[in-house]
Amino acid sequence: MDDPMNSNYVLFTFFAVVIGAIAATHAYSTVQLPDGMSCTNKRMASYGYTHKRMTMAEFAAIVIWQRDTEKRDPGFGNWHLAQKRKMKCKVFQNSSHYQCIVSAQPCRFDKT
């Protein structure tokens, strides 16, 4: 015969482990910014020009992202300082050209 306290204990332990794992994952994935650095609250995304070489398509997307971000928020147009950077490229089958889209949360070092 099953002890009802034992099944409740197992269920409680299961949910405690799941909630603990979620909390630990969130804490681990939260990026801490260095002192003197700030980021905008909105992500920016930009398409690049098409090119036969994927590296050039990536470069074009980053340059356009930097230009668009700098226009919207002066001082935030540095791709290398941006947080949560993502890039996705696709190849057009009929032309063998690549096009990339990049997105990131713009950041900058604050002036002191």
N, C-alpha and C. Protein backbone atom coordinates (compact mmCIF):
# COMPACT_ATOMS: atom_id res chain seq x y z
N MET A 1 0.84 -1.18 0.00
CA MET A 1 0.00 0.00 0.00
C MET A 1 0.89 1.24 0.00
N ASP A 2 0.54 2.22 -0.86
CA ASP A 2 1.34 3.43 -0.96
C ASP A 2 1.04 4.38 0.19
N ASP A 3 2.09 4.92 0.70
CA ASP A 3 1.97 5.92 1.77
C ASP A 3 1.69 7.27 1.12
N PRO A 4 0.55 7.95 1.42
CA PRO A 4 0.23 9.23 0.77
C PRO A 4 1.26 10.31 1.07
N MET A 5 1.89 10.27 2.23
CA MET A 5 2.91 11.26 2.56
C MET A 5 4.13 11.08 1.67
N ASN A 6 4.45 9.85 1.33
CA ASN A 6 5.61 9.60 0.49
C ASN A 6 5.39 10.16 -0.93
N SER A 7 4.20 9.98 -1.52
CA SER A 7 3.93 10.50 -2.86
C SER A 7 3.89 12.03 -2.86
N ASN A 8 3.39 12.63 -1.79
CA ASN A 8 3.39 14.09 -1.70
C ASN A 8 4.82 14.62 -1.59
N TYR A 9 5.64 13.92 -0.84
CA TYR A 9 7.04 14.31 -0.69
C TYR A 9 7.76 14.23 -2.03
N VAL A 10 7.51 13.19 -2.79
CA VAL A 10 8.15 13.03 -4.10
C VAL A 10 7.68 14.14 -5.04
N LEU A 11 6.39 14.45 -5.04
CA LEU A 11 5.86 15.50 -5.89
C LEU A 11 6.43 16.86 -5.50
N PHE A 12 6.50 17.14 -4.20
CA PHE A 12 7.07 18.40 -3.71
C PHE A 12 8.54 18.51 -4.13
N THR A 13 9.27 17.44 -3.97
CA THR A 13 10.70 17.44 -4.33
C THR A 13 10.88 17.68 -5.82
N PHE A 14 10.05 17.05 -6.62
CA PHE A 14 10.12 17.23 -8.07
C PHE A 14 9.91 18.70 -8.44
N PHE A 15 8.85 19.32 -7.92
CA PHE A 15 8.59 20.72 -8.24
C PHE A 15 9.66 21.65 -7.68
N ALA A 16 10.21 21.35 -6.53
CA ALA A 16 11.28 22.16 -5.96
C ALA A 16 12.52 22.11 -6.85
N VAL A 17 12.83 20.94 -7.37
CA VAL A 17 13.99 20.80 -8.27
C VAL A 17 13.75 21.57 -9.57
N VAL A 18 12.56 21.47 -10.13
CA VAL A 18 12.25 22.18 -11.38
C VAL A 18 12.35 23.69 -11.17
N ILE A 19 11.75 24.20 -10.11
CA ILE A 19 11.79 25.65 -9.84
C ILE A 19 13.22 26.09 -9.56
N GLY A 20 13.99 25.30 -8.83
CA GLY A 20 15.39 25.63 -8.57
C GLY A 20 16.21 25.67 -9.85
N ALA A 21 15.95 24.73 -10.74
CA ALA A 21 16.68 24.70 -12.01
C ALA A 21 16.35 25.92 -12.87
N ILE A 22 15.10 26.33 -12.88
CA ILE A 22 14.69 27.52 -13.63
C ILE A 22 15.36 28.76 -13.05
N ALA A 23 15.36 28.89 -11.73
CA ALA A 23 15.99 30.04 -11.09
C ALA A 23 17.50 30.07 -11.35
N ALA A 24 18.15 28.93 -11.29
CA ALA A 24 19.59 28.88 -11.54
C ALA A 24 19.90 29.22 -12.99
N THR A 25 19.10 28.74 -13.92
CA THR A 25 19.31 29.05 -15.33
C THR A 25 19.14 30.53 -15.59
N HIS A 26 18.14 31.14 -14.99
CA HIS A 26 17.92 32.57 -15.16
C HIS A 26 19.09 33.37 -14.60
N ALA A 27 19.56 33.02 -13.43
CA ALA A 27 20.69 33.73 -12.82
C ALA A 27 21.95 33.56 -13.64
N TYR A 28 22.16 32.40 -14.20
CA TYR A 28 23.35 32.14 -15.01
C TYR A 28 23.30 32.88 -16.33
N SER A 29 22.11 33.01 -16.91
CA SER A 29 21.99 33.63 -18.23
C SER A 29 21.89 35.15 -18.17
N THR A 30 21.68 35.73 -17.00
CA THR A 30 21.60 37.17 -16.88
C THR A 30 23.00 37.76 -16.98
N VAL A 31 23.18 38.66 -17.95
CA VAL A 31 24.49 39.25 -18.19
C VAL A 31 24.67 40.46 -17.28
N GLN A 32 25.79 40.48 -16.59
CA GLN A 32 26.13 41.62 -15.75
C GLN A 32 26.99 42.58 -16.57
N LEU A 33 26.58 43.83 -16.66
CA LEU A 33 27.32 44.82 -17.41
C LEU A 33 28.48 45.35 -16.57
N PRO A 34 29.61 45.64 -17.21
CA PRO A 34 30.71 46.25 -16.47
C PRO A 34 30.32 47.65 -15.99
N ASP A 35 31.01 48.13 -14.99
CA ASP A 35 30.76 49.49 -14.49
C ASP A 35 31.01 50.50 -15.60
N GLY A 36 30.15 51.49 -15.70
CA GLY A 36 30.31 52.54 -16.69
C GLY A 36 29.76 52.19 -18.06
N MET A 37 29.00 51.09 -18.15
CA MET A 37 28.43 50.69 -19.43
C MET A 37 26.91 50.68 -19.32
N SER A 38 26.24 51.19 -20.34
CA SER A 38 24.78 51.18 -20.34
C SER A 38 24.27 50.66 -21.67
N CYS A 39 23.07 50.11 -21.64
CA CYS A 39 22.44 49.54 -22.84
C CYS A 39 21.04 50.11 -22.99
N THR A 40 20.56 50.13 -24.24
CA THR A 40 19.18 50.55 -24.49
C THR A 40 18.26 49.39 -24.14
N ASN A 41 16.98 49.67 -24.04
CA ASN A 41 16.00 48.62 -23.72
C ASN A 41 15.49 47.91 -24.97
N LYS A 42 15.76 48.45 -26.15
CA LYS A 42 15.22 47.89 -27.38
C LYS A 42 16.32 47.26 -28.21
N ARG A 43 15.99 46.13 -28.83
CA ARG A 43 16.91 45.49 -29.79
C ARG A 43 16.81 46.21 -31.12
N MET A 44 17.89 46.21 -31.83
CA MET A 44 17.93 46.74 -33.19
C MET A 44 18.22 45.58 -34.13
N ALA A 45 17.57 45.58 -35.29
CA ALA A 45 17.81 44.55 -36.29
C ALA A 45 18.01 45.22 -37.65
N SER A 46 18.90 44.66 -38.45
CA SER A 46 19.18 45.21 -39.78
C SER A 46 19.52 44.09 -40.75
N TYR A 47 19.10 44.28 -41.99
CA TYR A 47 19.47 43.38 -43.09
C TYR A 47 20.70 43.95 -43.77
N GLY A 48 21.55 43.07 -44.25
CA GLY A 48 22.69 43.49 -45.04
C GLY A 48 22.42 43.30 -46.52
N TYR A 49 23.32 43.80 -47.34
CA TYR A 49 23.23 43.60 -48.78
C TYR A 49 23.60 42.16 -49.11
N THR A 50 23.14 41.69 -50.24
CA THR A 50 23.49 40.33 -50.66
C THR A 50 24.90 40.33 -51.25
N HIS A 51 25.56 39.19 -51.10
CA HIS A 51 26.91 39.05 -51.64
C HIS A 51 27.19 37.57 -51.88
N LYS A 52 28.09 37.28 -52.82
CA LYS A 52 28.45 35.89 -53.11
C LYS A 52 29.22 35.25 -51.97
N ARG A 53 29.97 36.04 -51.21
CA ARG A 53 30.73 35.52 -50.08
C ARG A 53 29.98 35.81 -48.78
N MET A 54 29.84 34.79 -47.95
CA MET A 54 29.07 34.93 -46.72
C MET A 54 29.72 35.95 -45.77
N THR A 55 31.04 35.97 -45.70
CA THR A 55 31.70 36.92 -44.79
C THR A 55 31.40 38.36 -45.18
N MET A 56 31.30 38.63 -46.46
CA MET A 56 30.96 39.99 -46.90
C MET A 56 29.51 40.32 -46.60
N ALA A 57 28.63 39.34 -46.71
CA ALA A 57 27.22 39.56 -46.36
C ALA A 57 27.09 39.84 -44.86
N GLU A 58 27.85 39.11 -44.03
CA GLU A 58 27.86 39.36 -42.58
C GLU A 58 28.37 40.76 -42.28
N PHE A 59 29.47 41.12 -42.92
CA PHE A 59 30.06 42.45 -42.71
C PHE A 59 29.08 43.55 -43.09
N ALA A 60 28.39 43.38 -44.22
CA ALA A 60 27.42 44.38 -44.67
C ALA A 60 26.29 44.54 -43.65
N ALA A 61 25.80 43.44 -43.10
CA ALA A 61 24.72 43.51 -42.12
C ALA A 61 25.17 44.24 -40.85
N ILE A 62 26.40 43.98 -40.41
CA ILE A 62 26.91 44.65 -39.21
C ILE A 62 27.09 46.13 -39.45
N VAL A 63 27.64 46.51 -40.60
CA VAL A 63 27.85 47.92 -40.92
C VAL A 63 26.51 48.66 -40.96
N ILE A 64 25.51 48.07 -41.56
CA ILE A 64 24.19 48.71 -41.62
C ILE A 64 23.57 48.79 -40.24
N TRP A 65 23.75 47.74 -39.41
CA TRP A 65 23.25 47.77 -38.03
C TRP A 65 23.88 48.93 -37.27
N GLN A 66 25.20 49.08 -37.42
CA GLN A 66 25.90 50.17 -36.73
C GLN A 66 25.39 51.54 -37.19
N ARG A 67 25.18 51.70 -38.49
CA ARG A 67 24.69 52.97 -39.03
C ARG A 67 23.28 53.28 -38.51
N ASP A 68 22.39 52.29 -38.59
CA ASP A 68 21.01 52.49 -38.15
C ASP A 68 20.94 52.77 -36.65
N THR A 69 21.74 52.06 -35.87
CA THR A 69 21.73 52.24 -34.42
C THR A 69 22.27 53.61 -34.05
N GLU A 70 23.33 54.03 -34.72
CA GLU A 70 23.92 55.35 -34.44
C GLU A 70 22.93 56.47 -34.77
N LYS A 71 22.16 56.29 -35.84
CA LYS A 71 21.13 57.29 -36.18
C LYS A 71 20.06 57.37 -35.10
N ARG A 72 19.62 56.22 -34.62
CA ARG A 72 18.55 56.19 -33.62
C ARG A 72 19.03 56.63 -32.25
N ASP A 73 20.18 56.11 -31.82
CA ASP A 73 20.72 56.41 -30.49
C ASP A 73 22.20 56.74 -30.63
N PRO A 74 22.55 58.01 -30.78
CA PRO A 74 23.96 58.38 -30.94
C PRO A 74 24.82 57.84 -29.79
N GLY A 75 25.96 57.26 -30.16
CA GLY A 75 26.88 56.70 -29.18
C GLY A 75 26.70 55.20 -28.94
N PHE A 76 25.63 54.62 -29.45
CA PHE A 76 25.34 53.21 -29.21
C PHE A 76 25.63 52.33 -30.43
N GLY A 77 26.28 52.85 -31.45
CA GLY A 77 26.45 52.13 -32.71
C GLY A 77 27.67 51.23 -32.79
N ASN A 78 28.14 50.68 -31.69
CA ASN A 78 29.30 49.79 -31.72
C ASN A 78 28.84 48.34 -31.59
N TRP A 79 28.99 47.56 -32.65
CA TRP A 79 28.55 46.17 -32.68
C TRP A 79 29.26 45.34 -31.62
N HIS A 80 30.53 45.60 -31.38
CA HIS A 80 31.31 44.79 -30.46
C HIS A 80 30.91 45.00 -29.00
N LEU A 81 30.31 46.14 -28.68
CA LEU A 81 29.84 46.37 -27.32
C LEU A 81 28.41 45.88 -27.11
N ALA A 82 27.69 45.60 -28.18
CA ALA A 82 26.28 45.21 -28.09
C ALA A 82 26.13 43.89 -27.34
N GLN A 83 25.01 43.74 -26.65
CA GLN A 83 24.68 42.53 -25.90
C GLN A 83 23.67 41.71 -26.70
N LYS A 84 23.66 40.41 -26.44
CA LYS A 84 22.69 39.48 -27.04
C LYS A 84 22.72 39.56 -28.57
N ARG A 85 23.92 39.55 -29.12
CA ARG A 85 24.07 39.63 -30.58
C ARG A 85 23.63 38.32 -31.24
N LYS A 86 22.91 38.48 -32.34
CA LYS A 86 22.48 37.32 -33.13
C LYS A 86 22.64 37.64 -34.60
N MET A 87 23.00 36.61 -35.36
CA MET A 87 23.15 36.77 -36.80
C MET A 87 22.59 35.53 -37.47
N LYS A 88 21.82 35.76 -38.52
CA LYS A 88 21.27 34.65 -39.27
C LYS A 88 21.43 34.97 -40.75
N CYS A 89 22.03 34.04 -41.47
CA CYS A 89 22.27 34.24 -42.90
C CYS A 89 21.53 33.17 -43.69
N LYS A 90 21.12 33.55 -44.89
CA LYS A 90 20.49 32.58 -45.78
C LYS A 90 21.08 32.76 -47.17
N VAL A 91 21.03 31.70 -47.93
CA VAL A 91 21.53 31.72 -49.31
C VAL A 91 20.33 31.66 -50.24
N PHE A 92 20.36 32.49 -51.26
CA PHE A 92 19.32 32.46 -52.28
C PHE A 92 19.74 31.43 -53.33
N GLN A 93 18.94 30.39 -53.50
CA GLN A 93 19.31 29.27 -54.35
C GLN A 93 19.51 29.66 -55.81
N ASN A 94 18.69 30.58 -56.30
CA ASN A 94 18.77 30.91 -57.73
C ASN A 94 19.98 31.80 -58.07
N SER A 95 20.56 32.48 -57.07
CA SER A 95 21.68 33.37 -57.37
C SER A 95 22.95 33.00 -56.60
N SER A 96 22.85 32.10 -55.65
CA SER A 96 23.97 31.71 -54.79
C SER A 96 24.55 32.89 -54.01
N HIS A 97 23.73 33.88 -53.73
CA HIS A 97 24.13 35.03 -52.92
C HIS A 97 23.61 34.84 -51.50
N TYR A 98 24.35 35.36 -50.54
CA TYR A 98 23.96 35.31 -49.13
C TYR A 98 23.39 36.65 -48.71
N GLN A 99 22.48 36.59 -47.76
CA GLN A 99 21.99 37.80 -47.10
C GLN A 99 21.87 37.48 -45.62
N CYS A 100 22.32 38.42 -44.79
CA CYS A 100 22.30 38.21 -43.35
C CYS A 100 21.45 39.27 -42.66
N ILE A 101 20.87 38.87 -41.55
CA ILE A 101 20.19 39.80 -40.67
C ILE A 101 20.86 39.69 -39.31
N VAL A 102 21.13 40.83 -38.72
CA VAL A 102 21.74 40.86 -37.40
C VAL A 102 20.81 41.60 -36.45
N SER A 103 20.86 41.22 -35.19
CA SER A 103 20.09 41.94 -34.18
C SER A 103 20.88 41.90 -32.88
N ALA A 104 20.73 42.96 -32.10
CA ALA A 104 21.44 43.05 -30.83
C ALA A 104 20.85 44.19 -30.01
N GLN A 105 21.19 44.18 -28.74
CA GLN A 105 20.81 45.26 -27.83
C GLN A 105 21.99 46.23 -27.77
N PRO A 106 21.84 47.46 -28.29
CA PRO A 106 22.95 48.39 -28.34
C PRO A 106 23.41 48.83 -26.94
N CYS A 107 24.75 48.92 -26.77
CA CYS A 107 25.36 49.36 -25.52
C CYS A 107 26.48 50.33 -25.81
N ARG A 108 26.88 51.06 -24.78
CA ARG A 108 28.01 51.99 -24.90
C ARG A 108 28.65 52.17 -23.55
N PHE A 109 29.88 52.66 -23.58
CA PHE A 109 30.55 53.08 -22.34
C PHE A 109 30.12 54.50 -22.06
N ASP A 110 29.68 54.76 -20.83
CA ASP A 110 29.26 56.10 -20.45
C ASP A 110 30.47 56.99 -20.28
N LYS A 111 30.31 58.23 -20.68
CA LYS A 111 31.39 59.19 -20.53
C LYS A 111 31.47 59.64 -19.07
N THR A 112 32.67 59.75 -18.57
CA THR A 112 32.84 60.18 -17.17
C THR A 112 33.42 61.56 -17.09
